[in-house]
PDB file of N, CA and C in Angstrom:
ATOM      1  N   MET A   1     -30.426  13.281  25.296  1.00  0.00           N
ATOM      2  CA  MET A   1     -29.953  12.804  24.001  1.00  0.00           C
ATOM      3  C   MET A   1     -28.689  13.576  23.626  1.00  0.00           C
ATOM      4  N   LEU A   2     -27.682  12.861  23.130  1.00  0.00           N
ATOM      5  CA  LEU A   2     -26.451  13.492  22.680  1.00  0.00           C
ATOM      6  C   LEU A   2     -26.683  14.130  21.319  1.00  0.00           C
ATOM      7  N   THR A   3     -26.071  15.272  21.071  1.00  0.00           N
ATOM      8  CA  THR A   3     -26.252  15.943  19.786  1.00  0.00           C
ATOM      9  C   THR A   3     -24.916  16.156  19.097  1.00  0.00           C
ATOM     10  N   MET A   4     -24.957  16.351  17.787  1.00  0.00           N
ATOM     11  CA  MET A   4     -23.762  16.569  16.984  1.00  0.00           C
ATOM     12  C   MET A   4     -24.048  17.611  15.916  1.00  0.00           C
ATOM     13  N   ASN A   5     -23.016  18.005  15.219  1.00  0.00           N
ATOM     14  CA  ASN A   5     -23.158  18.916  14.082  1.00  0.00           C
ATOM     15  C   ASN A   5     -24.040  18.305  13.002  1.00  0.00           C
ATOM     16  N   ASP A   6     -24.847  19.152  12.352  1.00  0.00           N
ATOM     17  CA  ASP A   6     -25.626  18.656  11.219  1.00  0.00           C
ATOM     18  C   ASP A   6     -24.717  18.210  10.079  1.00  0.00           C
ATOM     19  N   ASP A   7     -23.504  18.758  10.018  1.00  0.00           N
ATOM     20  CA  ASP A   7     -22.547  18.334   8.997  1.00  0.00           C
ATOM     21  C   ASP A   7     -22.255  16.846   9.115  1.00  0.00           C
ATOM     22  N   LEU A   8     -22.319  16.342  10.314  1.00  0.00           N
ATOM     23  CA  LEU A   8     -22.020  14.933  10.536  1.00  0.00           C
ATOM     24  C   LEU A   8     -23.070  14.031   9.888  1.00  0.00           C
ATOM     25  N   GLU A   9     -24.315  14.453   9.886  1.00  0.00           N
ATOM     26  CA  GLU A   9     -25.369  13.646   9.259  1.00  0.00           C
ATOM     27  C   GLU A   9     -25.045  13.405   7.784  1.00  0.00           C
ATOM     28  N   GLY A  10     -24.732  14.458   7.061  1.00  0.00           N
ATOM     29  CA  GLY A  10     -24.383  14.315   5.649  1.00  0.00           C
ATOM     30  C   GLY A  10     -23.125  13.492   5.455  1.00  0.00           C
ATOM     31  N   ALA A  11     -22.164  13.679   6.340  1.00  0.00           N
ATOM     32  CA  ALA A  11     -20.917  12.915   6.247  1.00  0.00           C
ATOM     33  C   ALA A  11     -21.177  11.426   6.465  1.00  0.00           C
ATOM     34  N   LEU A  12     -22.021  11.094   7.433  1.00  0.00           N
ATOM     35  CA  LEU A  12     -22.366   9.693   7.669  1.00  0.00           C
ATOM     36  C   LEU A  12     -23.084   9.083   6.469  1.00  0.00           C
ATOM     37  N   GLU A  13     -23.989   9.839   5.876  1.00  0.00           N
ATOM     38  CA  GLU A  13     -24.694   9.350   4.683  1.00  0.00           C
ATOM     39  C   GLU A  13     -23.713   9.083   3.549  1.00  0.00           C
ATOM     40  N   ASN A  14     -22.795  10.013   3.322  1.00  0.00           N
ATOM     41  CA  ASN A  14     -21.793   9.821   2.271  1.00  0.00           C
ATOM     42  C   ASN A  14     -20.851   8.676   2.602  1.00  0.00           C
ATOM     43  N   TYR A  15     -20.469   8.563   3.861  1.00  0.00           N
ATOM     44  CA  TYR A  15     -19.608   7.472   4.318  1.00  0.00           C
ATOM     45  C   TYR A  15     -20.235   6.126   3.958  1.00  0.00           C
ATOM     46  N   LEU A  16     -21.522   5.982   4.267  1.00  0.00           N
ATOM     47  CA  LEU A  16     -22.205   4.722   3.981  1.00  0.00           C
ATOM     48  C   LEU A  16     -22.261   4.427   2.484  1.00  0.00           C
ATOM     49  N   LYS A  17     -22.523   5.431   1.679  1.00  0.00           N
ATOM     50  CA  LYS A  17     -22.555   5.239   0.224  1.00  0.00           C
ATOM     51  C   LYS A  17     -21.191   4.805  -0.286  1.00  0.00           C
ATOM     52  N   LEU A  18     -20.139   5.455   0.197  1.00  0.00           N
ATOM     53  CA  LEU A  18     -18.789   5.126  -0.242  1.00  0.00           C
ATOM     54  C   LEU A  18     -18.362   3.742   0.242  1.00  0.00           C
ATOM     55  N   MET A  19     -18.729   3.392   1.461  1.00  0.00           N
ATOM     56  CA  MET A  19     -18.394   2.055   1.970  1.00  0.00           C
ATOM     57  C   MET A  19     -19.080   0.988   1.131  1.00  0.00           C
ATOM     58  N   ALA A  20     -20.323   1.235   0.729  1.00  0.00           N
ATOM     59  CA  ALA A  20     -21.058   0.274  -0.092  1.00  0.00           C
ATOM     60  C   ALA A  20     -20.384   0.066  -1.449  1.00  0.00           C
ATOM     61  N   LYS A  21     -19.703   1.090  -1.928  1.00  0.00           N
ATOM     62  CA  LYS A  21     -19.004   1.008  -3.221  1.00  0.00           C
ATOM     63  C   LYS A  21     -17.552   0.566  -3.053  1.00  0.00           C
ATOM     64  N   GLU A  22     -17.180   0.169  -1.824  1.00  0.00           N
ATOM     65  CA  GLU A  22     -15.814  -0.257  -1.493  1.00  0.00           C
ATOM     66  C   GLU A  22     -14.797   0.850  -1.734  1.00  0.00           C
ATOM     67  N   GLU A  23     -15.228   2.083  -1.579  1.00  0.00           N
ATOM     68  CA  GLU A  23     -14.344   3.238  -1.676  1.00  0.00           C
ATOM     69  C   GLU A  23     -13.977   3.666  -0.253  1.00  0.00           C
ATOM     70  N   TYR A  24     -13.181   2.811   0.374  1.00  0.00           N
ATOM     71  CA  TYR A  24     -12.886   2.958   1.799  1.00  0.00           C
ATOM     72  C   TYR A  24     -12.050   4.193   2.116  1.00  0.00           C
ATOM     73  N   PHE A  25     -11.077   4.478   1.285  1.00  0.00           N
ATOM     74  CA  PHE A  25     -10.259   5.660   1.545  1.00  0.00           C
ATOM     75  C   PHE A  25     -11.114   6.921   1.478  1.00  0.00           C
ATOM     76  N   GLU A  26     -11.965   7.007   0.469  1.00  0.00           N
ATOM     77  CA  GLU A  26     -12.828   8.166   0.311  1.00  0.00           C
ATOM     78  C   GLU A  26     -13.824   8.264   1.472  1.00  0.00           C
ATOM     79  N   ALA A  27     -14.324   7.110   1.940  1.00  0.00           N
ATOM     80  CA  ALA A  27     -15.247   7.093   3.084  1.00  0.00           C
ATOM     81  C   ALA A  27     -14.557   7.647   4.325  1.00  0.00           C
ATOM     82  N   HIS A  28     -13.329   7.237   4.514  1.00  0.00           N
ATOM     83  CA  HIS A  28     -12.543   7.732   5.651  1.00  0.00           C
ATOM     84  C   HIS A  28     -12.361   9.236   5.551  1.00  0.00           C
ATOM     85  N   GLU A  29     -12.078   9.732   4.363  1.00  0.00           N
ATOM     86  CA  GLU A  29     -11.846  11.167   4.168  1.00  0.00           C
ATOM     87  C   GLU A  29     -13.094  11.994   4.467  1.00  0.00           C
ATOM     88  N   VAL A  30     -14.240  11.567   3.974  1.00  0.00           N
ATOM     89  CA  VAL A  30     -15.467  12.351   4.150  1.00  0.00           C
ATOM     90  C   VAL A  30     -15.870  12.407   5.624  1.00  0.00           C
ATOM     91  N   LEU A  31     -15.697  11.322   6.335  1.00  0.00           N
ATOM     92  CA  LEU A  31     -16.056  11.322   7.749  1.00  0.00           C
ATOM     93  C   LEU A  31     -15.009  12.059   8.587  1.00  0.00           C
ATOM     94  N   GLU A  32     -13.759  11.972   8.173  1.00  0.00           N
ATOM     95  CA  GLU A  32     -12.705  12.680   8.906  1.00  0.00           C
ATOM     96  C   GLU A  32     -12.904  14.192   8.844  1.00  0.00           C
ATOM     97  N   GLU A  33     -13.392  14.682   7.730  1.00  0.00           N
ATOM     98  CA  GLU A  33     -13.649  16.120   7.602  1.00  0.00           C
ATOM     99  C   GLU A  33     -14.691  16.584   8.621  1.00  0.00           C
ATOM    100  N   ALA A  34     -15.723  15.774   8.839  1.00  0.00           N
ATOM    101  CA  ALA A  34     -16.748  16.117   9.836  1.00  0.00           C
ATOM    102  C   ALA A  34     -16.223  15.927  11.257  1.00  0.00           C
ATOM    103  N   TRP A  35     -15.326  14.964  11.447  1.00  0.00           N
ATOM    104  CA  TRP A  35     -14.760  14.677  12.763  1.00  0.00           C
ATOM    105  C   TRP A  35     -13.768  15.754  13.200  1.00  0.00           C
ATOM    106  N   HIS A  36     -13.092  16.340  12.243  1.00  0.00           N
ATOM    107  CA  HIS A  36     -12.001  17.277  12.535  1.00  0.00           C
ATOM    108  C   HIS A  36     -12.368  18.330  13.589  1.00  0.00           C
ATOM    109  N   PRO A  37     -13.518  19.026  13.479  1.00  0.00           N
ATOM    110  CA  PRO A  37     -13.858  20.010  14.514  1.00  0.00           C
ATOM    111  C   PRO A  37     -14.177  19.379  15.878  1.00  0.00           C
ATOM    112  N   LEU A  38     -14.543  18.105  15.884  1.00  0.00           N
ATOM    113  CA  LEU A  38     -14.890  17.425  17.136  1.00  0.00           C
ATOM    114  C   LEU A  38     -13.675  16.910  17.899  1.00  0.00           C
ATOM    115  N   ARG A  39     -12.580  16.723  17.210  1.00  0.00           N
ATOM    116  CA  ARG A  39     -11.448  16.002  17.777  1.00  0.00           C
ATOM    117  C   ARG A  39     -10.888  16.617  19.046  1.00  0.00           C
ATOM    118  N   LEU A  40     -10.966  17.926  19.191  1.00  0.00           N
ATOM    119  CA  LEU A  40     -10.425  18.593  20.368  1.00  0.00           C
ATOM    120  C   LEU A  40     -11.491  18.881  21.424  1.00  0.00           C
ATOM    121  N   SER A  41     -12.716  18.479  21.138  1.00  0.00           N
ATOM    122  CA  SER A  41     -13.829  18.751  22.058  1.00  0.00           C
ATOM    123  C   SER A  41     -13.951  17.613  23.068  1.00  0.00           C
ATOM    124  N   ASP A  42     -14.847  17.812  24.001  1.00  0.00           N
ATOM    125  CA  ASP A  42     -15.167  16.761  24.965  1.00  0.00           C
ATOM    126  C   ASP A  42     -16.414  15.996  24.544  1.00  0.00           C
ATOM    127  N   HIS A  43     -16.785  16.101  23.289  1.00  0.00           N
ATOM    128  CA  HIS A  43     -18.001  15.456  22.823  1.00  0.00           C
ATOM    129  C   HIS A  43     -17.883  13.942  22.987  1.00  0.00           C
ATOM    130  N   PRO A  44     -18.869  13.314  23.584  1.00  0.00           N
ATOM    131  CA  PRO A  44     -18.782  11.880  23.878  1.00  0.00           C
ATOM    132  C   PRO A  44     -18.747  10.967  22.657  1.00  0.00           C
ATOM    133  N   LEU A  45     -19.141  11.464  21.489  1.00  0.00           N
ATOM    134  CA  LEU A  45     -19.155  10.604  20.305  1.00  0.00           C
ATOM    135  C   LEU A  45     -17.955  10.794  19.395  1.00  0.00           C
ATOM    136  N   LYS A  46     -17.050  11.672  19.740  1.00  0.00           N
ATOM    137  CA  LYS A  46     -15.902  11.901  18.857  1.00  0.00           C
ATOM    138  C   LYS A  46     -15.098  10.615  18.653  1.00  0.00           C
ATOM    139  N   ASN A  47     -15.048   9.774  19.676  1.00  0.00           N
ATOM    140  CA  ASN A  47     -14.288   8.532  19.556  1.00  0.00           C
ATOM    141  C   ASN A  47     -14.991   7.505  18.668  1.00  0.00           C
ATOM    142  N   LEU A  48     -16.316   7.494  18.702  1.00  0.00           N
ATOM    143  CA  LEU A  48     -17.062   6.608  17.810  1.00  0.00           C
ATOM    144  C   LEU A  48     -16.831   7.018  16.359  1.00  0.00           C
ATOM    145  N   VAL A  49     -16.887   8.299  16.096  1.00  0.00           N
ATOM    146  CA  VAL A  49     -16.638   8.786  14.732  1.00  0.00           C
ATOM    147  C   VAL A  49     -15.229   8.389  14.296  1.00  0.00           C
ATOM    148  N   LYS A  50     -14.250   8.585  15.165  1.00  0.00           N
ATOM    149  CA  LYS A  50     -12.868   8.206  14.841  1.00  0.00           C
ATOM    150  C   LYS A  50     -12.769   6.695  14.622  1.00  0.00           C
ATOM    151  N   GLY A  51     -13.509   5.931  15.409  1.00  0.00           N
ATOM    152  CA  GLY A  51     -13.507   4.487  15.216  1.00  0.00           C
ATOM    153  C   GLY A  51     -14.047   4.077  13.856  1.00  0.00           C
ATOM    154  N   LEU A  52     -15.104   4.731  13.402  1.00  0.00           N
ATOM    155  CA  LEU A  52     -15.645   4.442  12.066  1.00  0.00           C
ATOM    156  C   LEU A  52     -14.655   4.839  10.978  1.00  0.00           C
ATOM    157  N   ILE A  53     -13.972   5.945  11.188  1.00  0.00           N
ATOM    158  CA  ILE A  53     -12.926   6.362  10.242  1.00  0.00           C
ATOM    159  C   ILE A  53     -11.861   5.276  10.159  1.00  0.00           C
ATOM    160  N   ASN A  54     -11.423   4.802  11.314  1.00  0.00           N
ATOM    161  CA  ASN A  54     -10.391   3.770  11.343  1.00  0.00           C
ATOM    162  C   ASN A  54     -10.892   2.443  10.790  1.00  0.00           C
ATOM    163  N   GLY A  55     -12.178   2.172  10.960  1.00  0.00           N
ATOM    164  CA  GLY A  55     -12.742   0.971  10.348  1.00  0.00           C
ATOM    165  C   GLY A  55     -12.599   1.004   8.834  1.00  0.00           C
ATOM    166  N   ALA A  56     -12.897   2.147   8.241  1.00  0.00           N
ATOM    167  CA  ALA A  56     -12.745   2.293   6.790  1.00  0.00           C
ATOM    168  C   ALA A  56     -11.279   2.129   6.384  1.00  0.00           C
ATOM    169  N   VAL A  57     -10.378   2.687   7.165  1.00  0.00           N
ATOM    170  CA  VAL A  57      -8.942   2.577   6.874  1.00  0.00           C
ATOM    171  C   VAL A  57      -8.510   1.111   6.902  1.00  0.00           C
ATOM    172  N   SER A  58      -9.051   0.337   7.836  1.00  0.00           N
ATOM    173  CA  SER A  58      -8.703  -1.083   7.921  1.00  0.00           C
ATOM    174  C   SER A  58      -9.004  -1.799   6.606  1.00  0.00           C
ATOM    175  N   PHE A  59     -10.165  -1.509   6.045  1.00  0.00           N
ATOM    176  CA  PHE A  59     -10.537  -2.195   4.812  1.00  0.00           C
ATOM    177  C   PHE A  59      -9.786  -1.651   3.603  1.00  0.00           C
ATOM    178  N   GLU A  60      -9.329  -0.417   3.687  1.00  0.00           N
ATOM    179  CA  GLU A  60      -8.465   0.110   2.624  1.00  0.00           C
ATOM    180  C   GLU A  60      -7.130  -0.632   2.621  1.00  0.00           C
ATOM    181  N   HIS A  61      -6.595  -0.913   3.811  1.00  0.00           N
ATOM    182  CA  HIS A  61      -5.359  -1.705   3.897  1.00  0.00           C
ATOM    183  C   HIS A  61      -5.549  -3.057   3.223  1.00  0.00           C
ATOM    184  N   LEU A  62      -6.661  -3.708   3.506  1.00  0.00           N
ATOM    185  CA  LEU A  62      -6.924  -5.020   2.907  1.00  0.00           C
ATOM    186  C   LEU A  62      -7.145  -4.915   1.406  1.00  0.00           C
ATOM    187  N   LYS A  63      -7.849  -3.885   0.987  1.00  0.00           N
ATOM    188  CA  LYS A  63      -8.125  -3.692  -0.440  1.00  0.00           C
ATOM    189  C   LYS A  63      -6.830  -3.522  -1.225  1.00  0.00           C
ATOM    190  N   ARG A  64      -5.893  -2.795  -0.664  1.00  0.00           N
ATOM    191  CA  ARG A  64      -4.615  -2.561  -1.345  1.00  0.00           C
ATOM    192  C   ARG A  64      -3.701  -3.775  -1.287  1.00  0.00           C
ATOM    193  N   ASN A  65      -3.979  -4.682  -0.351  1.00  0.00           N
ATOM    194  CA  ASN A  65      -3.248  -5.946  -0.230  1.00  0.00           C
ATOM    195  C   ASN A  65      -1.725  -5.763  -0.204  1.00  0.00           C
ATOM    196  N   LYS A  66      -1.295  -4.755   0.501  1.00  0.00           N
ATOM    197  CA  LYS A  66       0.135  -4.527   0.638  1.00  0.00           C
ATOM    198  C   LYS A  66       0.699  -5.419   1.737  1.00  0.00           C
ATOM    199  N   LYS A  67       2.002  -5.412   1.847  1.00  0.00           N
ATOM    200  CA  LYS A  67       2.686  -6.202   2.860  1.00  0.00           C
ATOM    201  C   LYS A  67       2.117  -5.875   4.244  1.00  0.00           C
ATOM    202  N   ASP A  68       1.859  -6.908   5.022  1.00  0.00           N
ATOM    203  CA  ASP A  68       1.328  -6.780   6.384  1.00  0.00           C
ATOM    204  C   ASP A  68      -0.055  -6.121   6.431  1.00  0.00           C
ATOM    205  N   ALA A  69      -0.827  -6.221   5.355  1.00  0.00           N
ATOM    206  CA  ALA A  69      -2.149  -5.583   5.314  1.00  0.00           C
ATOM    207  C   ALA A  69      -3.042  -6.077   6.441  1.00  0.00           C
ATOM    208  N   GLY A  70      -3.047  -7.362   6.704  1.00  0.00           N
ATOM    209  CA  GLY A  70      -3.882  -7.907   7.760  1.00  0.00           C
ATOM    210  C   GLY A  70      -3.495  -7.394   9.131  1.00  0.00           C
ATOM    211  N   ARG A  71      -2.207  -7.360   9.422  1.00  0.00           N
ATOM    212  CA  ARG A  71      -1.731  -6.859  10.714  1.00  0.00           C
ATOM    213  C   ARG A  71      -2.077  -5.386  10.874  1.00  0.00           C
ATOM    214  N   LYS A  72      -1.890  -4.606   9.814  1.00  0.00           N
ATOM    215  CA  LYS A  72      -2.213  -3.175   9.863  1.00  0.00           C
ATOM    216  C   LYS A  72      -3.719  -2.969  10.051  1.00  0.00           C
ATOM    217  N   ALA A  73      -4.502  -3.757   9.347  1.00  0.00           N
ATOM    218  CA  ALA A  73      -5.961  -3.640   9.468  1.00  0.00           C
ATOM    219  C   ALA A  73      -6.417  -3.939  10.892  1.00  0.00           C
ATOM    220  N   LEU A  74      -5.860  -4.984  11.487  1.00  0.00           N
ATOM    221  CA  LEU A  74      -6.203  -5.328  12.872  1.00  0.00           C
ATOM    222  C   LEU A  74      -5.838  -4.211  13.840  1.00  0.00           C
ATOM    223  N   ARG A  75      -4.671  -3.641  13.660  1.00  0.00           N
ATOM    224  CA  ARG A  75      -4.202  -2.581  14.554  1.00  0.00           C
ATOM    225  C   ARG A  75      -5.107  -1.355  14.450  1.00  0.00           C
ATOM    226  N   VAL A  76      -5.449  -0.966  13.241  1.00  0.00           N
ATOM    227  CA  VAL A  76      -6.276   0.220  13.038  1.00  0.00           C
ATOM    228  C   VAL A  76      -7.707  -0.034  13.524  1.00  0.00           C
ATOM    229  N   MET A  77      -8.178  -1.268  13.407  1.00  0.00           N
ATOM    230  CA  MET A  77      -9.542  -1.612  13.811  1.00  0.00           C
ATOM    231  C   MET A  77      -9.744  -1.483  15.325  1.00  0.00           C
ATOM    232  N   GLU A  78      -8.684  -1.474  16.091  1.00  0.00           N
ATOM    233  CA  GLU A  78      -8.797  -1.404  17.552  1.00  0.00           C
ATOM    234  C   GLU A  78      -9.608  -0.189  18.012  1.00  0.00           C
ATOM    235  N   SER A  79      -9.454   0.935  17.350  1.00  0.00           N
ATOM    236  CA  SER A  79     -10.198   2.143  17.716  1.00  0.00           C
ATOM    237  C   SER A  79     -11.695   1.925  17.541  1.00  0.00           C
ATOM    238  N   TYR A  80     -12.089   1.329  16.446  1.00  0.00           N
ATOM    239  CA  TYR A  80     -13.498   1.023  16.220  1.00  0.00           C
ATOM    240  C   TYR A  80     -14.013   0.077  17.303  1.00  0.00           C
ATOM    241  N   GLU A  81     -13.256  -0.965  17.590  1.00  0.00           N
ATOM    242  CA  GLU A  81     -13.679  -1.971  18.561  1.00  0.00           C
ATOM    243  C   GLU A  81     -13.926  -1.355  19.941  1.00  0.00           C
ATOM    244  N   ARG A  82     -13.107  -0.403  20.333  1.00  0.00           N
ATOM    245  CA  ARG A  82     -13.260   0.231  21.651  1.00  0.00           C
ATOM    246  C   ARG A  82     -14.557   1.023  21.775  1.00  0.00           C
ATOM    247  N   TYR A  83     -15.024   1.615  20.690  1.00  0.00           N
ATOM    248  CA  TYR A  83     -16.135   2.562  20.774  1.00  0.00           C
ATOM    249  C   TYR A  83     -17.404   2.132  20.055  1.00  0.00           C
ATOM    250  N   LYS A  84     -17.418   0.971  19.425  1.00  0.00           N
ATOM    251  CA  LYS A  84     -18.601   0.549  18.664  1.00  0.00           C
ATOM    252  C   LYS A  84     -19.833   0.401  19.539  1.00  0.00           C
ATOM    253  N   GLY A  85     -19.673   0.154  20.817  1.00  0.00           N
ATOM    254  CA  GLY A  85     -20.810   0.022  21.725  1.00  0.00           C
ATOM    255  C   GLY A  85     -21.648   1.283  21.814  1.00  0.00           C
ATOM    256  N   LEU A  86     -21.063   2.420  21.485  1.00  0.00           N
ATOM    257  CA  LEU A  86     -21.818   3.671  21.508  1.00  0.00           C
ATOM    258  C   LEU A  86     -22.909   3.702  20.447  1.00  0.00           C
ATOM    259  N   CYS A  87     -22.820   2.842  19.445  1.00  0.00           N
ATOM    260  CA  CYS A  87     -23.840   2.780  18.394  1.00  0.00           C
ATOM    261  C   CYS A  87     -25.193   2.380  18.958  1.00  0.00           C
ATOM    262  N   SER A  88     -25.208   1.730  20.091  1.00  0.00           N
ATOM    263  CA  SER A  88     -26.473   1.265  20.647  1.00  0.00           C
ATOM    264  C   SER A  88     -27.105   2.274  21.604  1.00  0.00           C
ATOM    265  N   HIS A  89     -26.456   3.407  21.813  1.00  0.00           N
ATOM    266  CA  HIS A  89     -26.999   4.431  22.700  1.00  0.00           C
ATOM    267  C   HIS A  89     -27.983   5.330  21.958  1.00  0.00           C
ATOM    268  N   GLU A  90     -28.773   6.062  22.707  1.00  0.00           N
ATOM    269  CA  GLU A  90     -29.707   7.021  22.115  1.00  0.00           C
ATOM    270  C   GLU A  90     -28.915   8.274  21.747  1.00  0.00           C
ATOM    271  N   ILE A  91     -28.648   8.426  20.473  1.00  0.00           N
ATOM    272  CA  ILE A  91     -27.827   9.535  19.975  1.00  0.00           C
ATOM    273  C   ILE A  91     -28.466  10.103  18.719  1.00  0.00           C
ATOM    274  N   ASP A  92     -28.097  11.328  18.391  1.00  0.00           N
ATOM    275  CA  ASP A  92     -28.539  11.885  17.108  1.00  0.00           C
ATOM    276  C   ASP A  92     -27.980  11.021  15.981  1.00  0.00           C
ATOM    277  N   TYR A  93     -28.764  10.875  14.947  1.00  0.00           N
ATOM    278  CA  TYR A  93     -28.366  10.088  13.774  1.00  0.00           C
ATOM    279  C   TYR A  93     -28.109   8.629  14.156  1.00  0.00           C
ATOM    280  N   ALA A  94     -28.809   8.146  15.178  1.00  0.00           N
ATOM    281  CA  ALA A  94     -28.587   6.791  15.670  1.00  0.00           C
ATOM    282  C   ALA A  94     -28.701   5.759  14.555  1.00  0.00           C
ATOM    283  N   SER A  95     -29.676   5.917  13.660  1.00  0.00           N
ATOM    284  CA  SER A  95     -29.843   4.915  12.592  1.00  0.00           C
ATOM    285  C   SER A  95     -28.638   4.925  11.654  1.00  0.00           C
ATOM    286  N   LEU A  96     -28.066   6.101  11.401  1.00  0.00           N
ATOM    287  CA  LEU A  96     -26.878   6.173  10.540  1.00  0.00           C
ATOM    288  C   LEU A  96     -25.664   5.551  11.231  1.00  0.00           C
ATOM    289  N   PHE A  97     -25.493   5.845  12.514  1.00  0.00           N
ATOM    290  CA  PHE A  97     -24.384   5.240  13.252  1.00  0.00           C
ATOM    291  C   PHE A  97     -24.537   3.722  13.303  1.00  0.00           C
ATOM    292  N   LYS A  98     -25.753   3.250  13.557  1.00  0.00           N
ATOM    293  CA  LYS A  98     -25.982   1.803  13.612  1.00  0.00           C
ATOM    294  C   LYS A  98     -25.703   1.160  12.262  1.00  0.00           C
ATOM    295  N   GLU A  99     -26.147   1.799  11.194  1.00  0.00           N
ATOM    296  CA  GLU A  99     -25.894   1.262   9.855  1.00  0.00           C
ATOM    297  C   GLU A  99     -24.397   1.222   9.561  1.00  0.00           C
ATOM    298  N   ALA A 100     -23.683   2.253   9.984  1.00  0.00           N
ATOM    299  CA  ALA A 100     -22.228   2.286   9.773  1.00  0.00           C
ATOM    300  C   ALA A 100     -21.551   1.154  10.548  1.00  0.00           C
ATOM    301  N   CYS A 101     -21.972   0.949  11.786  1.00  0.00           N
ATOM    302  CA  CYS A 101     -21.401  -0.141  12.586  1.00  0.00           C
ATOM    303  C   CYS A 101     -21.752  -1.500  11.977  1.00  0.00           C
ATOM    304  N   GLU A 102     -22.968  -1.657  11.488  1.00  0.00           N
ATOM    305  CA  GLU A 102     -23.369  -2.905  10.840  1.00  0.00           C
ATOM    306  C   GLU A 102     -22.534  -3.164   9.593  1.00  0.00           C
ATOM    307  N   LYS A 103     -22.216  -2.108   8.852  1.00  0.00           N
ATOM    308  CA  LYS A 103     -21.387  -2.257   7.644  1.00  0.00           C
ATOM    309  C   LYS A 103     -19.994  -2.742   8.022  1.00  0.00           C
ATOM    310  N   ILE A 104     -19.413  -2.134   9.057  1.00  0.00           N
ATOM    311  CA  ILE A 104     -18.088  -2.562   9.506  1.00  0.00           C
ATOM    312  C   ILE A 104     -18.137  -4.024   9.947  1.00  0.00           C
ATOM    313  N   GLU A 105     -19.163  -4.388  10.713  1.00  0.00           N
ATOM    314  CA  GLU A 105     -19.287  -5.770  11.189  1.00  0.00           C
ATOM    315  C   GLU A 105     -19.443  -6.746  10.021  1.00  0.00           C
ATOM    316  N   ALA A 106     -20.215  -6.381   9.007  1.00  0.00           N
ATOM    317  CA  ALA A 106     -20.384  -7.242   7.838  1.00  0.00           C
ATOM    318  C   ALA A 106     -19.062  -7.411   7.089  1.00  0.00           C
ATOM    319  N   LEU A 107     -18.313  -6.331   6.974  1.00  0.00           N
ATOM    320  CA  LEU A 107     -17.012  -6.420   6.296  1.00  0.00           C
ATOM    321  C   LEU A 107     -16.032  -7.251   7.109  1.00  0.00           C
ATOM    322  N   LYS A 108     -16.091  -7.146   8.414  1.00  0.00           N
ATOM    323  CA  LYS A 108     -15.239  -7.991   9.255  1.00  0.00           C
ATOM    324  C   LYS A 108     -15.561  -9.459   9.030  1.00  0.00           C
ATOM    325  N   SER A 109     -16.839  -9.772   8.942  1.00  0.00           N
ATOM    326  CA  SER A 109     -17.251 -11.158   8.677  1.00  0.00           C
ATOM    327  C   SER A 109     -16.766 -11.629   7.309  1.00  0.00           C
ATOM    328  N   ALA A 110     -16.832 -10.733   6.336  1.00  0.00           N
ATOM    329  CA  ALA A 110     -16.376 -11.080   4.985  1.00  0.00           C
ATOM    330  C   ALA A 110     -14.861 -11.299   4.938  1.00  0.00           C
ATOM    331  N   HIS A 111     -14.157 -10.743   5.906  1.00  0.00           N
ATOM    332  CA  HIS A 111     -12.702 -10.890   6.000  1.00  0.00           C
ATOM    333  C   HIS A 111     -12.351 -11.641   7.275  1.00  0.00           C
ATOM    334  N   SER A 112     -13.069 -12.736   7.519  1.00  0.00           N
ATOM    335  CA  SER A 112     -12.878 -13.483   8.764  1.00  0.00           C
ATOM    336  C   SER A 112     -11.465 -14.048   8.898  1.00  0.00           C
ATOM    337  N   GLU A 113     -10.747 -14.174   7.803  1.00  0.00           N
ATOM    338  CA  GLU A 113      -9.372 -14.646   7.879  1.00  0.00           C
ATOM    339  C   GLU A 113      -8.474 -13.636   8.584  1.00  0.00           C
ATOM    340  N   VAL A 114      -8.902 -12.389   8.658  1.00  0.00           N
ATOM    341  CA  VAL A 114      -8.131 -11.333   9.333  1.00  0.00           C
ATOM    342  C   VAL A 114      -8.733 -11.024  10.693  1.00  0.00           C
ATOM    343  N   PHE A 115     -10.050 -10.930  10.755  1.00  0.00           N
ATOM    344  CA  PHE A 115     -10.741 -10.528  11.969  1.00  0.00           C
ATOM    345  C   PHE A 115     -11.371 -11.725  12.624  1.00  0.00           C
TER     346      PHE A 115
END
C-alpha cells in the first residue's frame, strides 16, 4: 500500500469541503500546501495530488469567466486527466482521493460545453 503524509488527509478533507462550496482557488491552495513537500520526492502519488490541484484551478478559470477561460481550463485539466487513474489504486486515503476525483468528474459534466 502506498503511504502519504498525514497532513495530506486533512488537506484532502478541506479540499473537498471547499470544492463543494465552489471555492476552487482556496481548494487549490489548501491542497498545494500539502503537495509542496512531495513535489521534489519520488512519491508515486505526487502527480495525482498535482492533478487535483490543477482540476480546482480549471474550475476557478471558468468561475471567473475571463477571456479564454475555457481554453485555459482545458489546458490546466490535462494534468488531472493524466493521473486520475491512480484514484482507483489501493492507496492511503483512497476514499478521499476517489471522492475528489468524482467531484472533478461531476464538475466536468456540469461544464460539458468546455470538457
